[in-house]
């Protein structure tokens, strides 16, 4: 459909949209992903989060390079071979890093399962403590 001025409605609507865009001020580009959270955190929270994540990544790399025998030997040297469970090893390692490099509460809110992982370690510690008490009674 052509009008008297020779323009089609499609061409005309595109020109109108461009003019409307020029009138509206450009919105600032909003951060995405973790950047959106980082803006809200204090400098101390950001540093604690970075330390936790760096340690977590380093531990993951170390664990991935280990063989099953090396992991078993690590537990044996620590005297906790009876606690080794390949099904929960990743979670326990994650929790150990969180204990060594506590993430700030703002990061904990992003990782809801971390509390469950910490409970795995707490249960192991409690059982070891009870075992130690029973040995002392004998």
Foldseek 3Di string as FASTA:
>chain_A
DADPVGDDVVVVVVVVVVVVVVVDDDDDDADDDCVNVVVVDDPVLVVLQVQLVVLLVVLVVVVVPDDPVVVCVVCVVVVRSVLDDVVLVNLLSSLVSCVVRPHDPSVCVVVVCNVVSVVSVVVVVVVVVVVVVVVVVD
